[in-house]
């Protein structure tokens, strides 16, 4: 059986979309910390 997945949208400080990622539901918030290096300051769950 396949693990559930969800999509997140990454935003920079200006509110611009940096990109979208589809992740496994087992990903923890702490696992997203390295995205700060790309300028991501906000993450929204899309689906």
PDB file of N, CA and C in Angstrom:
ATOM      1  N   UNK A   1       0.840  -1.186   0.000  1.00  0.00           N
ATOM      2  CA  UNK A   1       0.000   0.000   0.000  1.00  0.00           C
ATOM      3  C   UNK A   1       0.883   1.247   0.000  1.00  0.00           C
ATOM      4  N   UNK A   2       0.504   2.228  -0.801  1.00  0.00           N
ATOM      5  CA  UNK A   2       1.290   3.445  -0.920  1.00  0.00           C
ATOM      6  C   UNK A   2       1.034   4.389   0.248  1.00  0.00           C
ATOM      7  N   UNK A   3       2.106   5.057   0.689  1.00  0.00           N
ATOM      8  CA  UNK A   3       1.978   6.023   1.776  1.00  0.00           C
ATOM      9  C   UNK A   3       1.225   7.258   1.294  1.00  0.00           C
ATOM     10  N   UNK A   4       0.415   7.854   2.169  1.00  0.00           N
ATOM     11  CA  UNK A   4      -0.273   9.090   1.780  1.00  0.00           C
ATOM     12  C   UNK A   4       0.735  10.205   1.499  1.00  0.00           C
ATOM     13  N   UNK A   5       0.383  11.076   0.580  1.00  0.00           N
ATOM     14  CA  UNK A   5       1.253  12.205   0.225  1.00  0.00           C
ATOM     15  C   UNK A   5       0.456  13.495   0.309  1.00  0.00           C
ATOM     16  N   UNK A   6       1.185  14.603   0.433  1.00  0.00           N
ATOM     17  CA  UNK A   6       0.550  15.910   0.399  1.00  0.00           C
ATOM     18  C   UNK A   6       1.474  16.879  -0.315  1.00  0.00           C
ATOM     19  N   UNK A   7       0.923  17.983  -0.779  1.00  0.00           N
ATOM     20  CA  UNK A   7       1.689  18.986  -1.509  1.00  0.00           C
ATOM     21  C   UNK A   7       1.793  20.245  -0.670  1.00  0.00           C
ATOM     22  N   UNK A   8       3.007  20.810  -0.641  1.00  0.00           N
ATOM     23  CA  UNK A   8       3.205  22.080   0.058  1.00  0.00           C
ATOM     24  C   UNK A   8       3.663  23.126  -0.945  1.00  0.00           C
ATOM     25  N   UNK A   9       3.376  24.364  -0.642  1.00  0.00           N
ATOM     26  CA  UNK A   9       3.787  25.498  -1.457  1.00  0.00           C
ATOM     27  C   UNK A   9       4.740  26.341  -0.614  1.00  0.00           C
ATOM     28  N   UNK A  10       5.886  26.705  -1.171  1.00  0.00           N
ATOM     29  CA  UNK A  10       6.902  27.483  -0.461  1.00  0.00           C
ATOM     30  C   UNK A  10       6.836  28.941  -0.895  1.00  0.00           C
ATOM     31  N   UNK A  11       6.921  29.850   0.075  1.00  0.00           N
ATOM     32  CA  UNK A  11       6.861  31.283  -0.201  1.00  0.00           C
ATOM     33  C   UNK A  11       8.087  31.978   0.367  1.00  0.00           C
ATOM     34  N   UNK A  12       8.523  33.047  -0.302  1.00  0.00           N
ATOM     35  CA  UNK A  12       9.616  33.857   0.227  1.00  0.00           C
ATOM     36  C   UNK A  12       9.042  34.997   1.062  1.00  0.00           C
ATOM     37  N   UNK A  13       9.910  35.863   1.557  1.00  0.00           N
ATOM     38  CA  UNK A  13       9.500  36.950   2.439  1.00  0.00           C
ATOM     39  C   UNK A  13       8.544  37.928   1.751  1.00  0.00           C
ATOM     40  N   UNK A  14       8.690  38.096   0.443  1.00  0.00           N
ATOM     41  CA  UNK A  14       7.824  39.000  -0.315  1.00  0.00           C
ATOM     42  C   UNK A  14       6.470  38.370  -0.638  1.00  0.00           C
ATOM     43  N   UNK A  15       6.276  37.107  -0.274  1.00  0.00           N
ATOM     44  CA  UNK A  15       5.018  36.426  -0.550  1.00  0.00           C
ATOM     45  C   UNK A  15       4.965  35.758  -1.907  1.00  0.00           C
ATOM     46  N   UNK A  16       6.096  35.733  -2.621  1.00  0.00           N
ATOM     47  CA  UNK A  16       6.147  35.093  -3.932  1.00  0.00           C
ATOM     48  C   UNK A  16       6.321  33.589  -3.771  1.00  0.00           C
ATOM     49  N   UNK A  17       5.722  32.843  -4.669  1.00  0.00           N
ATOM     50  CA  UNK A  17       5.831  31.384  -4.634  1.00  0.00           C
ATOM     51  C   UNK A  17       7.209  30.972  -5.132  1.00  0.00           C
ATOM     52  N   UNK A  18       7.919  30.211  -4.317  1.00  0.00           N
ATOM     53  CA  UNK A  18       9.224  29.681  -4.718  1.00  0.00           C
ATOM     54  C   UNK A  18       9.083  28.343  -5.426  1.00  0.00           C
ATOM     55  N   UNK A  19       8.061  27.589  -5.063  1.00  0.00           N
ATOM     56  CA  UNK A  19       7.853  26.290  -5.685  1.00  0.00           C
ATOM     57  C   UNK A  19       6.900  25.435  -4.885  1.00  0.00           C
ATOM     58  N   UNK A  20       6.635  24.253  -5.416  1.00  0.00           N
ATOM     59  CA  UNK A  20       5.752  23.286  -4.756  1.00  0.00           C
ATOM     60  C   UNK A  20       6.499  21.968  -4.628  1.00  0.00           C
ATOM     61  N   UNK A  21       6.227  21.273  -3.552  1.00  0.00           N
ATOM     62  CA  UNK A  21       6.815  19.959  -3.315  1.00  0.00           C
ATOM     63  C   UNK A  21       5.718  18.982  -2.927  1.00  0.00           C
ATOM     64  N   UNK A  22       5.801  17.768  -3.433  1.00  0.00           N
ATOM     65  CA  UNK A  22       4.911  16.700  -2.998  1.00  0.00           C
ATOM     66  C   UNK A  22       5.725  15.797  -2.090  1.00  0.00           C
ATOM     67  N   UNK A  23       5.252  15.652  -0.860  1.00  0.00           N
ATOM     68  CA  UNK A  23       5.999  14.933   0.168  1.00  0.00           C
ATOM     69  C   UNK A  23       5.191  13.791   0.751  1.00  0.00           C
ATOM     70  N   UNK A  24       5.897  12.858   1.325  1.00  0.00           N
ATOM     71  CA  UNK A  24       5.269  11.762   2.054  1.00  0.00           C
ATOM     72  C   UNK A  24       4.658  12.321   3.332  1.00  0.00           C
ATOM     73  N   UNK A  25       3.577  11.736   3.780  1.00  0.00           N
ATOM     74  CA  UNK A  25       2.909  12.200   4.993  1.00  0.00           C
ATOM     75  C   UNK A  25       3.758  11.981   6.237  1.00  0.00           C
ATOM     76  N   UNK A  26       4.823  11.202   6.133  1.00  0.00           N
ATOM     77  CA  UNK A  26       5.681  10.942   7.292  1.00  0.00           C
ATOM     78  C   UNK A  26       6.712  12.050   7.523  1.00  0.00           C
ATOM     79  N   UNK A  27       6.791  13.044   6.625  1.00  0.00           N
ATOM     80  CA  UNK A  27       7.744  14.147   6.772  1.00  0.00           C
ATOM     81  C   UNK A  27       7.343  15.005   7.966  1.00  0.00           C
ATOM     82  N   UNK A  28       8.342  15.353   8.785  1.00  0.00           N
ATOM     83  CA  UNK A  28       8.090  16.211   9.943  1.00  0.00           C
ATOM     84  C   UNK A  28       8.442  17.653   9.596  1.00  0.00           C
ATOM     85  N   UNK A  29       7.877  18.573  10.314  1.00  0.00           N
ATOM     86  CA  UNK A  29       8.150  19.989  10.085  1.00  0.00           C
ATOM     87  C   UNK A  29       9.640  20.283  10.191  1.00  0.00           C
ATOM     88  N   UNK A  30      10.323  19.672  11.122  1.00  0.00           N
ATOM     89  CA  UNK A  30      11.764  19.880  11.298  1.00  0.00           C
ATOM     90  C   UNK A  30      12.553  19.450  10.061  1.00  0.00           C
ATOM     91  N   UNK A  31      12.025  18.510   9.287  1.00  0.00           N
ATOM     92  CA  UNK A  31      12.699  18.051   8.072  1.00  0.00           C
ATOM     93  C   UNK A  31      12.721  19.132   6.988  1.00  0.00           C
ATOM     94  N   UNK A  32      11.867  20.127   7.113  1.00  0.00           N
ATOM     95  CA  UNK A  32      11.782  21.194   6.112  1.00  0.00           C
ATOM     96  C   UNK A  32      12.717  22.361   6.419  1.00  0.00           C
ATOM     97  N   UNK A  33      13.406  22.318   7.541  1.00  0.00           N
ATOM     98  CA  UNK A  33      14.305  23.396   7.969  1.00  0.00           C
ATOM     99  C   UNK A  33      15.319  23.808   6.889  1.00  0.00           C
ATOM    100  N   UNK A  34      15.940  22.878   6.154  1.00  0.00           N
ATOM    101  CA  UNK A  34      16.916  23.283   5.131  1.00  0.00           C
ATOM    102  C   UNK A  34      16.331  24.164   4.021  1.00  0.00           C
ATOM    103  N   UNK A  35      15.016  24.202   3.876  1.00  0.00           N
ATOM    104  CA  UNK A  35      14.402  25.038   2.842  1.00  0.00           C
ATOM    105  C   UNK A  35      14.588  26.523   3.128  1.00  0.00           C
ATOM    106  N   UNK A  36      14.925  26.870   4.369  1.00  0.00           N
ATOM    107  CA  UNK A  36      15.212  28.269   4.700  1.00  0.00           C
ATOM    108  C   UNK A  36      16.391  28.786   3.888  1.00  0.00           C
ATOM    109  N   UNK A  37      17.337  27.905   3.572  1.00  0.00           N
ATOM    110  CA  UNK A  37      18.508  28.294   2.782  1.00  0.00           C
ATOM    111  C   UNK A  37      18.106  28.749   1.382  1.00  0.00           C
ATOM    112  N   UNK A  38      16.956  28.300   0.907  1.00  0.00           N
ATOM    113  CA  UNK A  38      16.447  28.711  -0.405  1.00  0.00           C
ATOM    114  C   UNK A  38      15.632  29.991  -0.325  1.00  0.00           C
ATOM    115  N   UNK A  39      15.440  30.492   0.899  1.00  0.00           N
ATOM    116  CA  UNK A  39      14.666  31.711   1.085  1.00  0.00           C
ATOM    117  C   UNK A  39      13.220  31.472   1.475  1.00  0.00           C
ATOM    118  N   UNK A  40      12.855  30.235   1.737  1.00  0.00           N
ATOM    119  CA  UNK A  40      11.477  29.921   2.126  1.00  0.00           C
ATOM    120  C   UNK A  40      11.232  30.366   3.564  1.00  0.00           C
ATOM    121  N   UNK A  41      10.237  31.215   3.743  1.00  0.00           N
ATOM    122  CA  UNK A  41       9.893  31.678   5.090  1.00  0.00           C
ATOM    123  C   UNK A  41       8.486  31.239   5.490  1.00  0.00           C
ATOM    124  N   UNK A  42       7.721  30.747   4.522  1.00  0.00           N
ATOM    125  CA  UNK A  42       6.363  30.282   4.811  1.00  0.00           C
ATOM    126  C   UNK A  42       6.064  29.045   3.968  1.00  0.00           C
ATOM    127  N   UNK A  43       5.362  28.106   4.579  1.00  0.00           N
ATOM    128  CA  UNK A  43       4.966  26.872   3.900  1.00  0.00           C
ATOM    129  C   UNK A  43       3.470  26.697   4.088  1.00  0.00           C
ATOM    130  N   UNK A  44       2.758  26.434   3.002  1.00  0.00           N
ATOM    131  CA  UNK A  44       1.319  26.163   3.069  1.00  0.00           C
ATOM    132  C   UNK A  44       1.050  24.772   2.519  1.00  0.00           C
ATOM    133  N   UNK A  45       0.182  24.042   3.192  1.00  0.00           N
ATOM    134  CA  UNK A  45      -0.243  22.740   2.685  1.00  0.00           C
ATOM    135  C   UNK A  45      -1.350  22.985   1.666  1.00  0.00           C
ATOM    136  N   UNK A  46      -1.148  22.491   0.443  1.00  0.00           N
ATOM    137  CA  UNK A  46      -2.103  22.707  -0.638  1.00  0.00           C
ATOM    138  C   UNK A  46      -3.080  21.542  -0.728  1.00  0.00           C
ATOM    139  N   UNK A  47      -2.584  20.340  -0.690  1.00  0.00           N
ATOM    140  CA  UNK A  47      -3.449  19.154  -0.781  1.00  0.00           C
ATOM    141  C   UNK A  47      -2.770  17.967  -0.150  1.00  0.00           C
TER     142      UNK A  47
END
